[in-house]
Protein backbone atom coordinates (compact mmCIF):
# COMPACT_ATOMS: atom_id res chain seq x y z
CA MET A 1 61.11 25.31 -20.18
CA CYS A 2 60.70 22.78 -17.50
CA ARG A 3 58.53 25.43 -15.42
CA SER A 4 56.44 26.29 -18.47
CA MET A 5 55.78 22.50 -19.08
CA SER A 6 54.78 22.10 -15.42
CA LEU A 7 52.36 25.05 -15.49
CA LEU A 8 50.88 23.62 -18.77
CA GLY A 9 50.43 20.27 -17.08
CA ALA A 10 48.77 21.86 -14.19
CA PHE A 11 46.07 23.20 -16.57
CA VAL A 12 45.85 20.24 -18.85
CA LEU A 13 45.20 17.52 -16.23
CA PRO A 14 42.19 19.22 -14.75
CA LEU A 15 40.89 19.76 -18.31
CA VAL A 16 41.31 15.96 -19.04
CA ALA A 17 39.53 15.00 -15.92
CA LEU A 18 36.67 17.33 -16.79
CA ARG A 19 36.41 16.03 -20.12
CA ALA A 20 36.24 12.54 -18.87
CA ALA A 21 33.53 13.63 -16.52
CA ASP A 22 31.63 15.20 -19.24
CA GLU A 23 31.76 11.95 -21.38
CA ASP A 24 29.86 10.18 -18.62
CA LYS A 25 26.98 12.58 -18.86
CA GLY A 26 23.73 11.40 -20.47
CA LYS A 27 24.53 7.73 -20.37
CA TRP A 28 24.62 4.81 -18.01
CA VAL A 29 28.06 3.74 -16.90
CA PRO A 30 29.11 0.75 -14.64
CA ILE A 31 30.70 1.76 -11.33
CA SER A 32 30.84 -1.42 -9.34
CA GLU A 33 33.40 -3.50 -11.25
CA SER A 34 36.28 -2.59 -8.86
CA VAL A 35 34.32 -4.41 -6.22
CA THR A 36 32.61 -7.23 -7.93
CA ALA A 37 35.95 -8.30 -9.51
CA LYS A 38 37.13 -9.44 -6.20
CA PHE A 39 34.51 -12.23 -5.85
CA LYS A 40 33.73 -15.48 -7.66
CA ALA A 41 30.94 -15.43 -10.32
CA GLY A 42 27.62 -17.12 -9.68
CA PRO A 43 23.90 -16.97 -10.67
CA PHE A 44 23.34 -14.14 -8.22
CA ALA A 45 26.79 -12.57 -8.28
CA LYS A 46 27.65 -8.91 -8.76
CA THR A 47 25.34 -6.37 -7.14
CA ALA A 48 21.74 -6.48 -5.85
CA GLY A 49 20.70 -3.31 -4.38
CA VAL A 50 21.54 0.39 -4.41
CA THR A 51 20.38 3.51 -2.30
CA VAL A 52 21.57 7.04 -1.69
CA ASP A 53 21.61 9.32 1.38
CA PRO A 54 19.48 12.05 0.09
CA THR A 55 21.28 14.72 2.25
CA THR A 56 24.80 13.90 1.28
CA GLY A 57 24.71 11.93 -2.07
CA ASP A 58 26.65 9.02 -0.44
CA VAL A 59 25.98 5.82 -2.30
CA TYR A 60 25.27 2.52 -0.65
CA MET A 61 25.59 -0.64 -2.71
CA VAL A 62 24.76 -4.32 -1.99
CA VAL A 63 27.10 -6.95 -3.50
CA SER A 64 25.37 -10.33 -3.35
CA ASP A 65 26.45 -12.31 -0.40
CA GLN A 66 29.28 -9.67 0.17
CA GLY A 67 27.46 -7.08 2.29
CA MET A 68 26.98 -3.31 1.92
CA TRP A 69 29.53 -1.07 0.27
CA LYS A 70 29.64 2.74 0.52
CA SER A 71 30.94 5.44 -1.64
CA THR A 72 31.52 9.08 -0.72
CA ASP A 73 32.66 10.07 -4.15
CA LYS A 74 29.56 9.47 -6.39
CA GLY A 75 30.51 5.87 -7.13
CA GLY A 76 34.21 6.50 -7.78
CA THR A 77 35.44 4.17 -5.15
CA PHE A 78 33.72 1.86 -2.54
CA GLU A 79 34.49 0.52 0.88
CA ARG A 80 32.59 -2.28 2.85
CA VAL A 81 30.83 -0.60 5.82
CA ASP A 82 28.36 -3.14 7.31
CA GLY A 83 30.74 -5.12 9.62
CA LYS A 84 29.43 -8.21 8.06
CA THR A 85 25.89 -7.70 9.54
CA ILE A 86 24.32 -7.73 6.08
CA GLY A 87 24.21 -10.76 3.72
CA GLY A 88 22.23 -12.18 0.78
CA ARG A 89 20.64 -9.82 -1.66
CA CYS A 90 17.79 -7.46 -2.40
CA GLU A 91 15.22 -8.87 -4.87
CA THR A 92 12.97 -5.72 -4.99
CA GLY A 93 13.43 -2.07 -5.42
CA PHE A 94 12.01 -1.50 -1.94
CA ALA A 95 14.47 -3.53 0.18
CA LEU A 96 16.62 -0.58 1.02
CA ASN A 97 14.81 2.06 3.02
CA PHE A 98 16.63 5.38 3.65
CA ASP A 99 15.46 8.09 5.94
CA PRO A 100 14.50 11.16 3.94
CA ALA A 101 16.33 13.20 6.52
CA GLY A 102 19.52 11.25 6.03
CA LYS A 103 22.03 9.06 7.99
CA ARG A 104 19.50 6.36 8.97
CA LEU A 105 19.07 3.18 6.65
CA MET A 106 17.23 -0.15 7.11
CA CYS A 107 18.22 -3.09 4.80
CA PHE A 108 15.53 -5.73 4.43
CA MET A 109 17.59 -8.71 2.96
CA ILE A 110 16.78 -12.23 1.73
CA TYR A 111 19.07 -15.20 2.02
CA GLY A 112 21.22 -13.30 4.45
CA GLY A 113 21.27 -10.91 7.43
CA SER A 114 19.22 -7.71 7.75
CA ALA A 115 20.52 -4.71 9.68
CA SER A 116 19.99 -0.99 10.15
CA THR A 117 22.35 1.97 10.77
CA GLU A 118 21.63 5.28 12.49
CA ASP A 119 25.04 6.92 11.71
CA SER A 120 25.63 6.72 8.00
CA GLY A 121 27.14 3.07 8.26
CA LYS A 122 29.58 3.62 11.04
CA THR A 123 27.78 1.16 13.27
CA TRP A 124 24.98 -1.39 12.50
CA ALA A 125 22.29 -3.13 14.56
CA ALA A 126 21.51 -6.67 13.28
CA SER A 127 17.89 -7.64 12.94
CA LYS A 128 16.92 -10.93 14.84
CA VAL A 129 14.62 -11.75 11.84
CA SER A 130 15.67 -11.69 8.21
CA HIS A 131 14.64 -13.28 4.87
CA LEU A 132 12.43 -10.16 4.32
CA ASP A 133 11.25 -9.15 0.80
CA PHE A 134 11.09 -5.27 1.58
CA GLY A 135 9.94 -2.95 4.36
CA ALA A 136 8.70 0.43 5.63
CA VAL A 137 10.01 2.39 8.53
CA ASP A 138 8.47 5.11 10.77
CA TRP A 139 11.19 7.67 10.08
CA GLY A 140 8.99 10.51 11.03
CA ALA A 141 8.32 8.93 14.46
CA THR A 142 10.78 6.73 16.19
CA GLY A 143 12.79 5.29 13.26
CA LYS A 144 12.63 1.97 15.14
CA CYS A 145 9.41 0.47 13.79
CA PHE A 146 9.92 -1.76 10.85
CA LEU A 147 7.02 -3.31 8.87
CA SER A 148 7.91 -6.06 6.51
CA ILE A 149 6.70 -9.13 4.51
CA ARG A 150 8.54 -12.42 5.11
CA HIS A 151 9.92 -13.97 1.84
CA GLU A 152 7.92 -16.85 0.32
CA SER A 153 5.64 -16.95 3.32
CA GLY A 154 2.28 -16.34 1.79
CA GLY A 155 2.49 -12.72 2.43
CA THR A 156 3.09 -12.79 6.02
CA LEU A 157 3.22 -9.23 7.54
CA THR A 158 5.55 -8.88 10.43
CA ILE A 159 6.43 -5.90 12.60
CA THR A 160 9.14 -4.77 15.12
CA THR A 161 8.96 -1.71 17.32
CA ASP A 162 12.50 -2.06 18.75
CA ALA A 163 14.65 -1.82 15.57
CA GLY A 164 14.60 -5.54 15.00
CA LYS A 165 15.31 -7.11 18.33
CA THR A 166 11.82 -8.64 18.45
CA TRP A 167 9.20 -9.24 15.71
CA THR A 168 5.39 -10.07 15.77
CA ASP A 169 3.54 -11.58 12.82
CA LEU A 170 0.29 -9.89 11.97
CA GLY A 171 -1.31 -12.23 9.29
CA LYS A 172 -0.97 -13.45 5.82
CA GLY A 173 -2.13 -12.42 2.40
CA PHE A 174 -0.33 -8.97 2.36
CA VAL A 175 1.45 -7.49 -0.62
CA ARG A 176 2.05 -3.81 0.27
CA VAL A 177 3.36 -2.10 3.42
CA GLY A 178 3.36 1.41 4.87
CA LEU A 179 3.31 2.98 8.20
CA PHE A 180 3.18 6.50 9.92
CA ASP A 181 4.02 5.09 13.37
CA GLU A 182 4.01 1.89 15.28
CA LYS A 183 0.16 2.09 15.53
CA ILE A 184 -0.92 3.50 12.26
CA LEU A 185 -0.26 1.08 9.37
CA VAL A 186 -1.51 1.31 5.73
CA CYS A 187 -1.15 -1.92 3.74
CA GLY A 188 -2.46 -3.73 0.71
CA LYS A 189 -3.49 -7.16 -0.18
CA ALA A 190 -4.76 -8.21 -3.64
CA LYS A 191 -6.74 -5.12 -4.11
CA GLY A 192 -7.03 -1.75 -2.54
CA LEU A 193 -5.55 -0.45 0.74
CA VAL A 194 -6.40 -1.15 4.39
CA ARG A 195 -5.54 0.81 7.48
CA SER A 196 -4.98 -0.06 11.16
CA GLU A 197 -4.86 2.24 14.04
CA ASP A 198 -3.76 -0.43 16.64
CA GLY A 199 -0.59 -1.91 15.30
CA GLY A 200 -2.18 -4.38 12.92
CA LYS A 201 -4.81 -6.05 15.21
CA THR A 202 -7.76 -4.69 13.22
CA TRP A 203 -8.09 -3.27 9.69
CA ALA A 204 -10.50 -0.99 7.79
CA ASP A 205 -10.67 -0.36 3.97
CA VAL A 206 -9.44 3.09 3.09
CA SER A 207 -8.98 3.11 -0.66
CA ASP A 208 -9.99 0.88 -3.72
CA VAL A 209 -6.98 2.03 -5.68
CA THR A 210 -4.12 -0.72 -5.82
CA PRO A 211 -0.78 0.84 -6.25
CA PRO A 212 1.69 -1.12 -8.36
CA GLY A 213 4.50 -0.37 -5.91
CA TYR A 214 5.11 -2.30 -2.61
CA VAL A 215 6.01 0.34 -0.08
CA MET A 216 4.51 3.71 0.87
CA THR A 217 6.84 6.64 1.07
CA VAL A 218 6.31 9.29 3.74
CA LYS A 219 7.76 12.79 3.91
CA ASP A 220 6.83 15.45 6.44
CA GLY A 221 3.94 13.39 7.61
CA VAL A 222 2.41 12.92 4.02
CA GLY A 223 2.02 9.44 2.63
CA TYR A 224 2.69 8.74 -1.06
CA TRP A 225 2.13 5.87 -3.39
CA PRO A 226 2.63 6.10 -7.12
CA THR A 227 -0.23 4.79 -9.32
CA ASP A 228 -1.02 4.78 -12.95
CA LYS A 229 -3.53 7.56 -12.28
CA GLY A 230 -1.04 9.75 -10.54
CA LEU A 231 0.43 10.18 -7.07
CA LEU A 232 -1.88 8.78 -4.40
CA VAL A 233 -1.56 10.98 -1.47
CA SER A 234 -2.73 11.11 2.23
CA LYS A 235 -2.37 14.04 4.45
CA ASP A 236 -4.24 12.60 7.41
CA LYS A 237 -2.19 9.53 8.23
CA GLY A 238 -3.92 7.32 5.74
CA LYS A 239 -7.57 7.96 6.71
CA THR A 240 -8.33 9.49 3.22
CA TRP A 241 -6.46 9.28 -0.05
CA GLU A 242 -6.62 11.24 -3.18
CA VAL A 243 -4.88 11.38 -6.53
CA GLN A 244 -2.52 14.46 -6.73
CA GLY A 245 -1.58 15.72 -10.14
CA THR A 246 -1.58 14.09 -13.60
CA ALA A 247 -1.11 10.37 -14.46
CA VAL A 248 2.33 9.04 -14.76
CA PRO A 249 3.30 5.33 -15.16
CA ALA A 250 5.33 4.50 -12.06
CA VAL A 251 6.17 1.66 -9.61
CA LEU A 252 8.97 3.25 -7.34
CA GLY A 253 9.15 6.42 -5.57
CA PRO A 254 8.60 9.28 -5.18
CA TYR A 255 12.21 10.16 -4.38
CA PHE A 256 12.26 13.74 -3.05
CA GLY A 257 14.21 16.76 -4.21
CA LYS A 258 15.51 19.85 -2.42
CA LYS A 259 12.20 21.58 -2.73
CA PRO A 260 8.91 19.87 -1.85
CA GLU A 261 7.58 20.29 -5.41
CA GLN A 262 10.46 18.30 -6.93
CA MET A 263 9.99 14.46 -7.04
CA ILE A 264 11.29 11.62 -9.11
CA VAL A 265 9.46 8.30 -9.89
CA VAL A 266 10.48 5.31 -11.76
CA GLY A 267 8.48 3.10 -14.17
CA LYS A 268 8.80 1.11 -17.29
CA ASP A 269 9.29 4.45 -19.35
CA GLY A 270 12.23 5.36 -16.99
CA PHE A 271 12.88 8.16 -14.53
CA GLN A 272 10.16 10.83 -14.56
CA GLU A 273 10.50 14.17 -12.74
CA THR A 274 7.97 16.72 -11.55
CA LEU A 275 8.84 20.31 -10.46
CA ASP A 276 5.27 21.19 -9.51
CA ALA A 277 4.32 18.45 -7.11
CA GLY A 278 2.88 16.12 -9.78
CA LYS A 279 1.02 18.68 -12.01
CA THR A 280 3.36 17.95 -14.85
CA TRP A 281 6.02 15.13 -15.43
CA LYS A 282 8.98 14.97 -17.75
CA LYS A 283 11.11 11.94 -18.55
CA VAL A 284 14.72 12.63 -17.65
CA ALA A 285 16.36 9.30 -18.12
CA ALA A 286 15.66 5.98 -19.60
CA LEU A 287 16.33 2.72 -17.79
CA PRO A 288 19.77 1.09 -18.38
CA GLU A 289 19.75 -1.60 -21.03
CA GLY A 290 18.52 -4.90 -19.83
CA PHE A 291 16.75 -3.32 -16.80
CA LYS A 292 13.12 -3.19 -16.15
CA ALA A 293 10.70 -1.56 -13.41
CA GLY A 294 8.48 -3.87 -11.64
CA GLY A 295 7.67 -5.40 -8.20
CA VAL A 296 10.52 -7.94 -8.36
CA GLY A 297 13.78 -6.86 -9.91
CA PRO A 298 16.03 -3.78 -10.06
CA ASN A 299 16.83 -1.22 -7.37
CA TYR A 300 16.92 2.50 -8.45
CA ALA A 301 18.04 5.51 -6.55
CA TRP A 302 18.27 9.27 -7.02
CA ASP A 303 21.04 11.57 -5.46
CA PRO A 304 19.18 14.98 -5.29
CA VAL A 305 22.37 16.62 -4.14
CA ASN A 306 24.40 15.89 -7.24
CA ASP A 307 21.53 15.02 -9.51
CA ILE A 308 22.63 11.50 -10.32
CA PHE A 309 20.58 8.38 -10.90
CA TYR A 310 21.65 4.85 -10.03
CA ALA A 311 20.53 1.39 -10.96
CA SER A 312 21.32 -2.10 -9.61
CA SER A 313 19.85 -5.56 -10.23
CA MET A 314 20.72 -9.16 -9.35
CA GLY A 315 23.48 -10.55 -11.61
CA LYS A 316 24.33 -7.07 -13.08
CA GLU A 317 26.86 -4.26 -12.11
CA THR A 318 25.59 -1.10 -10.57
CA PHE A 319 25.15 1.76 -12.98
CA ARG A 320 25.33 5.60 -12.73
CA PHE A 321 23.64 8.15 -14.94
CA LYS A 322 24.57 11.99 -14.74
CA ARG A 323 22.30 14.40 -16.34
């Protein structure tokens, strides 16, 4: 009898765990409470930033003033990994910039330290400059050139080519940032996009389209910016731009899938997916209750390995959505 009950239990427990996992599908559930419960409440308490290694699905979560926390089990458990090099919070969905090829991450933080890792969070290099709104990284070139905008500075554009050891300001009035390498930059001011071939010394107009998002995404040498008209794409390092596919209201992205044709963007209508490089789009998840999609505000992420969405915002828990 005891052996029979033991065998029954061996089957029942996995079934219970599977049923619990199924109950999470199709809805947003909080995953950060085990971490945030350790700290005192405040106006910017709880989490303020989330991103995902697109090659492993590992989740990286910022807890306000309490650094970077990593989960290797899809948000089940977290461990602090930044060695106290990261502080403050993220105020935009573009502050955490992960290499599309995995492992490397740069955190552009305000009211605390900024830092980068090249080995999935095992070691970190602190930036000499912080209080940065968001930033771009030349992942396809050196991975050590960061282009950012200083917080509350009148749009001061600043650049480093040595992974944050030294920085040079390039002027004011900037709103958007992007780069292909340390020389070729594509940025935006109030309207349109401008391009530099000399590291920001001189600029030339290249597009009259004004993307709602703040940071250009680059994958395999192609630059992307989501716009209300569709994906704005450049295949010649920003010299020319054209709209690819059909219109989709989006601010963040694209996040890239396992195949080049699969991408995710995020806008006021939620997470939208294309399986044909932007020709058609389908809504696959709404935003969590109380969240929005704009320049300032929540962070969103997509794990293409396990097909899981994440959301974080100042003063809120981090949430997970399984399709």
